[in-house]
Amino acid sequence: MSDSIRVLADQVYEGAGITSDDTEVDERFIYDLIGNQRALWLSREINKGYLAHEALNQDLTCLDMELADPGECCDPALNCKVLRTVLEIPQPLLANSRAMITRVGPLNKFSKSFNIIPYSRVPYFGSGKFNKNAVYAVYLNDRIYLVSKNEDVNFIEKINVRGIWEDPLLIGTYTDCGPNPCWTVDDDYPLSRKMWAEHIKQYVIDEVQRKRMVKQDTENDSQDESIGSQKR
């Protein structure tokens, strides 16, 4: 579906007529431009009703959980058991008035996932005959909360969270249950080649060229001022 972000950056360098060794435009600047435009265009397309391709998702593969004060996310009178992720998670993409978190569940991705509900529905969770022992996931205060009336929820130690994230690079700052990062810049970047070619690539090239020109103009002005002061 896509190339690595390093490959995309190389295409930008080539299109802008500069080399990756050019210190005037560092790679991180290009990564940020790509990421900002990706978030903008994905939100637009999803808001228009287009389905988000599965390849746009990235996994936080192994997040530790901790006990949380029920008052943080639900009325203590509901007698709910509450866990939350130890770490804050990256900002999910916002589209169609919701956070694009697509799965919260056990580490085994083939296991049944937890029901994701908005915070506004927490007062009503587990009120039905058949769902009173279900586990619900809530995105709140940059964390994932698990709420349930079933005490077994307290035994959940780790979870997997899958979603479309505003900044895909941040997923690389998290690890699996070992030392390996969840994502690297050499992995496929969650952006379709079509969207890259039609909406983003030329914009990024233009911005890179503009940044170079501004810096060169500033340097030329400084040189002119220096020469002028020497003549005086």
C-alpha atoms as a PDB file:
ATOM      1  CA  MET A   1       0.000   0.000   0.000  1.00  0.00           C
ATOM      2  CA  SER A   2       2.829   2.379   0.817  1.00  0.00           C
ATOM      3  CA  ASP A   3       6.553   2.917   1.113  1.00  0.00           C
ATOM      4  CA  SER A   4       8.598   3.718   4.182  1.00  0.00           C
ATOM      5  CA  ILE A   5       8.753   7.353   5.185  1.00  0.00           C
ATOM      6  CA  ARG A   6      12.461   7.332   4.367  1.00  0.00           C
ATOM      7  CA  VAL A   7      11.590   6.431   0.777  1.00  0.00           C
ATOM      8  CA  LEU A   8       9.000   9.237   0.696  1.00  0.00           C
ATOM      9  CA  ALA A   9      11.585  11.698   2.033  1.00  0.00           C
ATOM     10  CA  ASP A  10      14.045  10.619  -0.679  1.00  0.00           C
ATOM     11  CA  GLN A  11      11.373  11.359  -3.286  1.00  0.00           C
ATOM     12  CA  VAL A  12      10.975  14.836  -1.807  1.00  0.00           C
ATOM     13  CA  TYR A  13      14.720  15.489  -1.883  1.00  0.00           C
ATOM     14  CA  GLU A  14      14.825  14.367  -5.508  1.00  0.00           C
ATOM     15  CA  GLY A  15      11.787  16.449  -6.466  1.00  0.00           C
ATOM     16  CA  ALA A  16      13.215  19.523  -4.753  1.00  0.00           C
ATOM     17  CA  GLY A  17      16.564  19.053  -6.466  1.00  0.00           C
ATOM     18  CA  ILE A  18      18.579  18.682  -3.280  1.00  0.00           C
ATOM     19  CA  THR A  19      20.461  15.877  -1.564  1.00  0.00           C
ATOM     20  CA  SER A  20      19.695  14.270   1.762  1.00  0.00           C
ATOM     21  CA  ASP A  21      23.055  15.647   2.985  1.00  0.00           C
ATOM     22  CA  ASP A  22      21.749  19.205   2.597  1.00  0.00           C
ATOM     23  CA  THR A  23      21.810  20.592   6.136  1.00  0.00           C
ATOM     24  CA  GLU A  24      19.353  23.361   5.235  1.00  0.00           C
ATOM     25  CA  VAL A  25      16.461  20.883   5.219  1.00  0.00           C
ATOM     26  CA  ASP A  26      16.664  18.071   7.735  1.00  0.00           C
ATOM     27  CA  GLU A  27      14.743  14.844   7.439  1.00  0.00           C
ATOM     28  CA  ARG A  28      12.591  15.512  10.486  1.00  0.00           C
ATOM     29  CA  PHE A  29      11.202  18.672   8.871  1.00  0.00           C
ATOM     30  CA  ILE A  30      10.094  16.595   5.871  1.00  0.00           C
ATOM     31  CA  TYR A  31       8.625  13.899   8.128  1.00  0.00           C
ATOM     32  CA  ASP A  32       6.552  16.530   9.949  1.00  0.00           C
ATOM     33  CA  LEU A  33       5.265  18.018   6.687  1.00  0.00           C
ATOM     34  CA  ILE A  34       4.233  14.582   5.448  1.00  0.00           C
ATOM     35  CA  GLY A  35       2.572  13.712   8.756  1.00  0.00           C
ATOM     36  CA  ASN A  36       0.595  16.957   8.981  1.00  0.00           C
ATOM     37  CA  GLN A  37      -0.719  16.628   5.431  1.00  0.00           C
ATOM     38  CA  ARG A  38      -1.527  12.953   5.933  1.00  0.00           C
ATOM     39  CA  ALA A  39      -3.652  13.754   8.996  1.00  0.00           C
ATOM     40  CA  LEU A  40      -5.427  16.558   7.129  1.00  0.00           C
ATOM     41  CA  TRP A  41      -6.282  14.490   4.039  1.00  0.00           C
ATOM     42  CA  LEU A  42      -7.241  11.347   5.929  1.00  0.00           C
ATOM     43  CA  SER A  43      -9.642  13.324   8.123  1.00  0.00           C
ATOM     44  CA  ARG A  44     -11.209  14.900   5.040  1.00  0.00           C
ATOM     45  CA  GLU A  45     -11.720  11.571   3.301  1.00  0.00           C
ATOM     46  CA  ILE A  46     -13.113   9.785   6.348  1.00  0.00           C
ATOM     47  CA  ASN A  47     -15.451  12.717   7.023  1.00  0.00           C
ATOM     48  CA  LYS A  48     -16.736  12.345   3.461  1.00  0.00           C
ATOM     49  CA  GLY A  49     -17.670   8.745   4.168  1.00  0.00           C
ATOM     50  CA  TYR A  50     -14.723   6.933   2.602  1.00  0.00           C
ATOM     51  CA  LEU A  51     -13.734   3.764   4.425  1.00  0.00           C
ATOM     52  CA  ALA A  52     -10.309   3.852   6.047  1.00  0.00           C
ATOM     53  CA  HIS A  53      -8.083   1.106   4.655  1.00  0.00           C
ATOM     54  CA  GLU A  54      -6.916  -1.439   7.224  1.00  0.00           C
ATOM     55  CA  ALA A  55      -3.282  -0.720   6.319  1.00  0.00           C
ATOM     56  CA  LEU A  56      -3.654   2.772   7.814  1.00  0.00           C
ATOM     57  CA  ASN A  57      -3.789   1.207  11.281  1.00  0.00           C
ATOM     58  CA  GLN A  58      -0.808   0.786  13.578  1.00  0.00           C
ATOM     59  CA  ASP A  59      -0.567  -1.233  16.776  1.00  0.00           C
ATOM     60  CA  LEU A  60       0.531  -0.350  20.247  1.00  0.00           C
ATOM     61  CA  THR A  61       1.200  -4.009  20.732  1.00  0.00           C
ATOM     62  CA  CYS A  62       1.775  -4.330  24.462  1.00  0.00           C
ATOM     63  CA  LEU A  63       0.516  -1.681  26.882  1.00  0.00           C
ATOM     64  CA  ASP A  64       0.749  -2.310  30.625  1.00  0.00           C
ATOM     65  CA  MET A  65      -2.364  -1.721  32.712  1.00  0.00           C
ATOM     66  CA  GLU A  66      -2.763  -0.439  36.257  1.00  0.00           C
ATOM     67  CA  LEU A  67      -5.622  -0.116  38.710  1.00  0.00           C
ATOM     68  CA  ALA A  68      -7.329   3.264  38.555  1.00  0.00           C
ATOM     69  CA  ASP A  69      -9.638   5.199  40.803  1.00  0.00           C
ATOM     70  CA  PRO A  70     -13.203   4.529  39.540  1.00  0.00           C
ATOM     71  CA  GLY A  71     -13.925   8.217  40.072  1.00  0.00           C
ATOM     72  CA  GLU A  72     -11.561   9.044  37.200  1.00  0.00           C
ATOM     73  CA  CYS A  73     -13.958   7.707  34.624  1.00  0.00           C
ATOM     74  CA  CYS A  74     -17.255   6.572  36.109  1.00  0.00           C
ATOM     75  CA  ASP A  75     -19.632   7.178  38.978  1.00  0.00           C
ATOM     76  CA  PRO A  76     -18.460   5.132  42.001  1.00  0.00           C
ATOM     77  CA  ALA A  77     -22.123   4.319  42.620  1.00  0.00           C
ATOM     78  CA  LEU A  78     -22.027   2.153  39.491  1.00  0.00           C
ATOM     79  CA  ASN A  79     -19.760  -0.281  41.356  1.00  0.00           C
ATOM     80  CA  CYS A  80     -17.416  -0.538  38.388  1.00  0.00           C
ATOM     81  CA  LYS A  81     -13.896  -1.919  38.277  1.00  0.00           C
ATOM     82  CA  VAL A  82     -11.468   0.336  36.422  1.00  0.00           C
ATOM     83  CA  LEU A  83      -8.030  -0.138  34.882  1.00  0.00           C
ATOM     84  CA  ARG A  84      -6.055   2.277  32.751  1.00  0.00           C
ATOM     85  CA  THR A  85      -2.915   2.191  30.638  1.00  0.00           C
ATOM     86  CA  VAL A  86       0.225   3.023  32.588  1.00  0.00           C
ATOM     87  CA  LEU A  87       1.460   5.160  29.705  1.00  0.00           C
ATOM     88  CA  GLU A  88      -0.369   7.888  27.875  1.00  0.00           C
ATOM     89  CA  ILE A  89      -0.990   6.970  24.247  1.00  0.00           C
ATOM     90  CA  PRO A  90      -0.466   9.103  21.116  1.00  0.00           C
ATOM     91  CA  GLN A  91      -3.249  11.327  19.829  1.00  0.00           C
ATOM     92  CA  PRO A  92      -5.510   9.269  17.567  1.00  0.00           C
ATOM     93  CA  LEU A  93      -6.697  10.824  14.338  1.00  0.00           C
ATOM     94  CA  LEU A  94     -10.005  12.621  14.847  1.00  0.00           C
ATOM     95  CA  ALA A  95     -12.577  12.088  12.108  1.00  0.00           C
ATOM     96  CA  ASN A  96     -16.351  11.866  12.001  1.00  0.00           C
ATOM     97  CA  SER A  97     -16.368  13.393  15.494  1.00  0.00           C
ATOM     98  CA  ARG A  98     -14.586  10.424  17.023  1.00  0.00           C
ATOM     99  CA  ALA A  99     -11.119   9.182  17.852  1.00  0.00           C
ATOM    100  CA  MET A 100     -10.004   6.609  15.293  1.00  0.00           C
ATOM    101  CA  ILE A 101      -9.120   3.864  17.765  1.00  0.00           C
ATOM    102  CA  THR A 102     -10.213   0.685  16.008  1.00  0.00           C
ATOM    103  CA  ARG A 103      -9.374  -2.087  18.463  1.00  0.00           C
ATOM    104  CA  VAL A 104      -8.723  -2.510  22.163  1.00  0.00           C
ATOM    105  CA  GLY A 105      -8.285  -6.055  23.342  1.00  0.00           C
ATOM    106  CA  PRO A 106      -6.010  -8.869  24.488  1.00  0.00           C
ATOM    107  CA  LEU A 107      -2.519  -9.140  23.017  1.00  0.00           C
ATOM    108  CA  ASN A 108      -3.716 -11.960  20.764  1.00  0.00           C
ATOM    109  CA  LYS A 109      -5.328 -10.020  17.927  1.00  0.00           C
ATOM    110  CA  PHE A 110      -7.537 -12.969  17.051  1.00  0.00           C
ATOM    111  CA  SER A 111      -9.149 -12.874  20.493  1.00  0.00           C
ATOM    112  CA  LYS A 112     -12.441 -11.083  21.037  1.00  0.00           C
ATOM    113  CA  SER A 113     -11.826  -7.385  21.553  1.00  0.00           C
ATOM    114  CA  PHE A 114     -13.414  -5.132  24.157  1.00  0.00           C
ATOM    115  CA  ASN A 115     -16.317  -2.868  23.272  1.00  0.00           C
ATOM    116  CA  ILE A 116     -15.112   0.688  22.620  1.00  0.00           C
ATOM    117  CA  ILE A 117     -17.570   3.275  23.902  1.00  0.00           C
ATOM    118  CA  PRO A 118     -17.480   7.077  24.212  1.00  0.00           C
ATOM    119  CA  TYR A 119     -17.097   8.529  27.678  1.00  0.00           C
ATOM    120  CA  SER A 120     -20.684   9.803  27.513  1.00  0.00           C
ATOM    121  CA  ARG A 121     -21.955   6.204  27.542  1.00  0.00           C
ATOM    122  CA  VAL A 122     -20.066   5.124  30.648  1.00  0.00           C
ATOM    123  CA  PRO A 123     -23.036   5.743  33.008  1.00  0.00           C
ATOM    124  CA  TYR A 124     -25.068   3.202  31.053  1.00  0.00           C
ATOM    125  CA  PHE A 125     -22.489   0.453  30.499  1.00  0.00           C
ATOM    126  CA  GLY A 126     -23.312  -3.078  31.581  1.00  0.00           C
ATOM    127  CA  SER A 127     -26.955  -2.263  32.247  1.00  0.00           C
ATOM    128  CA  GLY A 128     -28.350  -4.911  29.905  1.00  0.00           C
ATOM    129  CA  LYS A 129     -29.172  -8.507  30.683  1.00  0.00           C
ATOM    130  CA  PHE A 130     -26.484  -9.913  28.395  1.00  0.00           C
ATOM    131  CA  ASN A 131     -23.688  -7.372  28.799  1.00  0.00           C
ATOM    132  CA  LYS A 132     -23.469  -6.851  32.532  1.00  0.00           C
ATOM    133  CA  ASN A 133     -20.118  -8.669  32.705  1.00  0.00           C
ATOM    134  CA  ALA A 134     -18.672  -7.220  29.497  1.00  0.00           C
ATOM    135  CA  VAL A 135     -15.458  -5.193  29.443  1.00  0.00           C
ATOM    136  CA  TYR A 136     -15.647  -1.729  27.887  1.00  0.00           C
ATOM    137  CA  ALA A 137     -12.808   0.454  26.643  1.00  0.00           C
ATOM    138  CA  VAL A 138     -12.884   4.245  26.922  1.00  0.00           C
ATOM    139  CA  TYR A 139     -10.388   6.757  25.517  1.00  0.00           C
ATOM    140  CA  LEU A 140     -10.027   9.518  28.091  1.00  0.00           C
ATOM    141  CA  ASN A 141      -7.270  11.905  29.203  1.00  0.00           C
ATOM    142  CA  ASP A 142      -4.790  10.421  26.705  1.00  0.00           C
ATOM    143  CA  ARG A 143      -5.194   6.933  28.156  1.00  0.00           C
ATOM    144  CA  ILE A 144      -7.289   3.851  27.561  1.00  0.00           C
ATOM    145  CA  TYR A 145      -9.541   2.912  30.463  1.00  0.00           C
ATOM    146  CA  LEU A 146     -11.139  -0.505  30.879  1.00  0.00           C
ATOM    147  CA  VAL A 147     -14.371  -0.528  32.866  1.00  0.00           C
ATOM    148  CA  SER A 148     -16.503  -3.476  33.890  1.00  0.00           C
ATOM    149  CA  LYS A 149     -18.741  -4.743  36.649  1.00  0.00           C
ATOM    150  CA  ASN A 150     -16.903  -8.051  36.411  1.00  0.00           C
ATOM    151  CA  GLU A 151     -14.089  -8.309  38.966  1.00  0.00           C
ATOM    152  CA  ASP A 152     -12.077 -10.444  36.525  1.00  0.00           C
ATOM    153  CA  VAL A 153     -11.131  -7.232  34.722  1.00  0.00           C
ATOM    154  CA  ASN A 154      -8.632  -6.649  37.533  1.00  0.00           C
ATOM    155  CA  PHE A 155      -6.535  -9.549  36.221  1.00  0.00           C
ATOM    156  CA  ILE A 156      -5.892  -7.903  32.845  1.00  0.00           C
ATOM    157  CA  GLU A 157      -2.203  -6.970  32.830  1.00  0.00           C
ATOM    158  CA  LYS A 158      -1.566  -5.937  29.223  1.00  0.00           C
ATOM    159  CA  ILE A 159      -3.618  -4.908  26.195  1.00  0.00           C
ATOM    160  CA  ASN A 160      -3.220  -4.235  22.489  1.00  0.00           C
ATOM    161  CA  VAL A 161      -4.491  -0.936  21.079  1.00  0.00           C
ATOM    162  CA  ARG A 162      -4.900  -0.480  17.332  1.00  0.00           C
ATOM    163  CA  GLY A 163      -5.788   2.729  15.578  1.00  0.00           C
ATOM    164  CA  ILE A 164      -5.107   5.406  13.007  1.00  0.00           C
ATOM    165  CA  TRP A 165      -2.815   7.904  14.689  1.00  0.00           C
ATOM    166  CA  GLU A 166      -2.280  11.584  14.041  1.00  0.00           C
ATOM    167  CA  ASP A 167       1.507  11.154  14.090  1.00  0.00           C
ATOM    168  CA  PRO A 168       2.536   7.637  12.997  1.00  0.00           C
ATOM    169  CA  LEU A 169       6.143   8.246  14.047  1.00  0.00           C
ATOM    170  CA  LEU A 170       5.167   8.302  17.728  1.00  0.00           C
ATOM    171  CA  ILE A 171       4.258   4.610  17.553  1.00  0.00           C
ATOM    172  CA  GLY A 172       7.983   3.975  17.237  1.00  0.00           C
ATOM    173  CA  THR A 173       8.506   5.286  20.776  1.00  0.00           C
ATOM    174  CA  TYR A 174       6.565   2.312  22.201  1.00  0.00           C
ATOM    175  CA  THR A 175       7.828  -1.263  22.409  1.00  0.00           C
ATOM    176  CA  ASP A 176       6.346  -4.707  22.105  1.00  0.00           C
ATOM    177  CA  CYS A 177       6.474  -6.957  25.171  1.00  0.00           C
ATOM    178  CA  GLY A 178      10.238  -7.112  24.596  1.00  0.00           C
ATOM    179  CA  PRO A 179      12.802  -4.506  23.534  1.00  0.00           C
ATOM    180  CA  ASN A 180      11.599  -4.053  19.958  1.00  0.00           C
ATOM    181  CA  PRO A 181       9.848  -0.843  18.845  1.00  0.00           C
ATOM    182  CA  CYS A 182       6.261  -1.159  17.626  1.00  0.00           C
ATOM    183  CA  TRP A 183       7.238   0.635  14.407  1.00  0.00           C
ATOM    184  CA  THR A 184      10.358   1.981  12.685  1.00  0.00           C
ATOM    185  CA  VAL A 185      10.970   4.475   9.893  1.00  0.00           C
ATOM    186  CA  ASP A 186      11.913   1.547   7.655  1.00  0.00           C
ATOM    187  CA  ASP A 187       8.445  -0.006   7.989  1.00  0.00           C
ATOM    188  CA  ASP A 188       5.602   0.857   5.627  1.00  0.00           C
ATOM    189  CA  TYR A 189       4.278   4.326   6.393  1.00  0.00           C
ATOM    190  CA  PRO A 190       0.472   4.285   6.831  1.00  0.00           C
ATOM    191  CA  LEU A 191      -0.343   6.356   3.763  1.00  0.00           C
ATOM    192  CA  SER A 192      -1.587   5.135   0.389  1.00  0.00           C
ATOM    193  CA  ARG A 193       0.571   5.754  -2.658  1.00  0.00           C
ATOM    194  CA  LYS A 194      -2.473   7.324  -4.337  1.00  0.00           C
ATOM    195  CA  MET A 195      -2.973   9.938  -1.623  1.00  0.00           C
ATOM    196  CA  TRP A 196       0.757  10.599  -1.517  1.00  0.00           C
ATOM    197  CA  ALA A 197       1.013  11.147  -5.269  1.00  0.00           C
ATOM    198  CA  GLU A 198      -2.213  13.120  -5.741  1.00  0.00           C
ATOM    199  CA  HIS A 199      -2.390  15.327  -2.659  1.00  0.00           C
ATOM    200  CA  ILE A 200       0.770  15.416  -0.566  1.00  0.00           C
ATOM    201  CA  LYS A 201       4.027  14.899  -2.466  1.00  0.00           C
ATOM    202  CA  GLN A 202       4.078  18.137  -4.480  1.00  0.00           C
ATOM    203  CA  TYR A 203       2.938  20.199  -1.495  1.00  0.00           C
ATOM    204  CA  VAL A 204       5.847  18.895   0.582  1.00  0.00           C
ATOM    205  CA  ILE A 205       8.325  19.502  -2.253  1.00  0.00           C
ATOM    206  CA  ASP A 206       7.074  23.093  -2.605  1.00  0.00           C
ATOM    207  CA  GLU A 207       7.397  23.716   1.146  1.00  0.00           C
ATOM    208  CA  VAL A 208      10.932  22.333   1.196  1.00  0.00           C
ATOM    209  CA  GLN A 209      11.953  24.553  -1.717  1.00  0.00           C
ATOM    210  CA  ARG A 210      10.333  27.562  -0.037  1.00  0.00           C
ATOM    211  CA  LYS A 211      12.222  26.916   3.199  1.00  0.00           C
ATOM    212  CA  ARG A 212      15.496  26.682   1.275  1.00  0.00           C
ATOM    213  CA  MET A 213      14.855  29.921  -0.580  1.00  0.00           C
ATOM    214  CA  VAL A 214      13.987  31.824   2.593  1.00  0.00           C
ATOM    215  CA  LYS A 215      17.161  30.615   4.289  1.00  0.00           C
ATOM    216  CA  GLN A 216      19.306  31.483   1.271  1.00  0.00           C
ATOM    217  CA  ASP A 217      17.733  34.959   1.020  1.00  0.00           C
ATOM    218  CA  THR A 218      18.423  35.545   4.709  1.00  0.00           C
ATOM    219  CA  GLU A 219      22.042  34.461   4.306  1.00  0.00           C
ATOM    220  CA  ASN A 220      22.480  36.710   1.241  1.00  0.00           C
ATOM    221  CA  ASP A 221      21.040  39.691   3.125  1.00  0.00           C
ATOM    222  CA  SER A 222      23.458  39.041   5.991  1.00  0.00           C
ATOM    223  CA  GLN A 223      26.392  38.909   3.582  1.00  0.00           C
ATOM    224  CA  ASP A 224      25.312  42.173   1.917  1.00  0.00           C
ATOM    225  CA  GLU A 225      25.055  43.890   5.294  1.00  0.00           C
ATOM    226  CA  SER A 226      28.484  42.583   6.259  1.00  0.00           C
ATOM    227  CA  ILE A 227      30.069  43.857   3.030  1.00  0.00           C
ATOM    228  CA  GLY A 228      28.337  47.227   3.428  1.00  0.00           C
ATOM    229  CA  SER A 229      29.625  47.688   6.965  1.00  0.00           C
ATOM    230  CA  GLN A 230      33.173  46.836   5.871  1.00  0.00           C
ATOM    231  CA  LYS A 231      33.066  49.514   3.124  1.00  0.00           C
ATOM    232  CA  ARG A 232      31.941  52.118   5.634  1.00  0.00           C
END
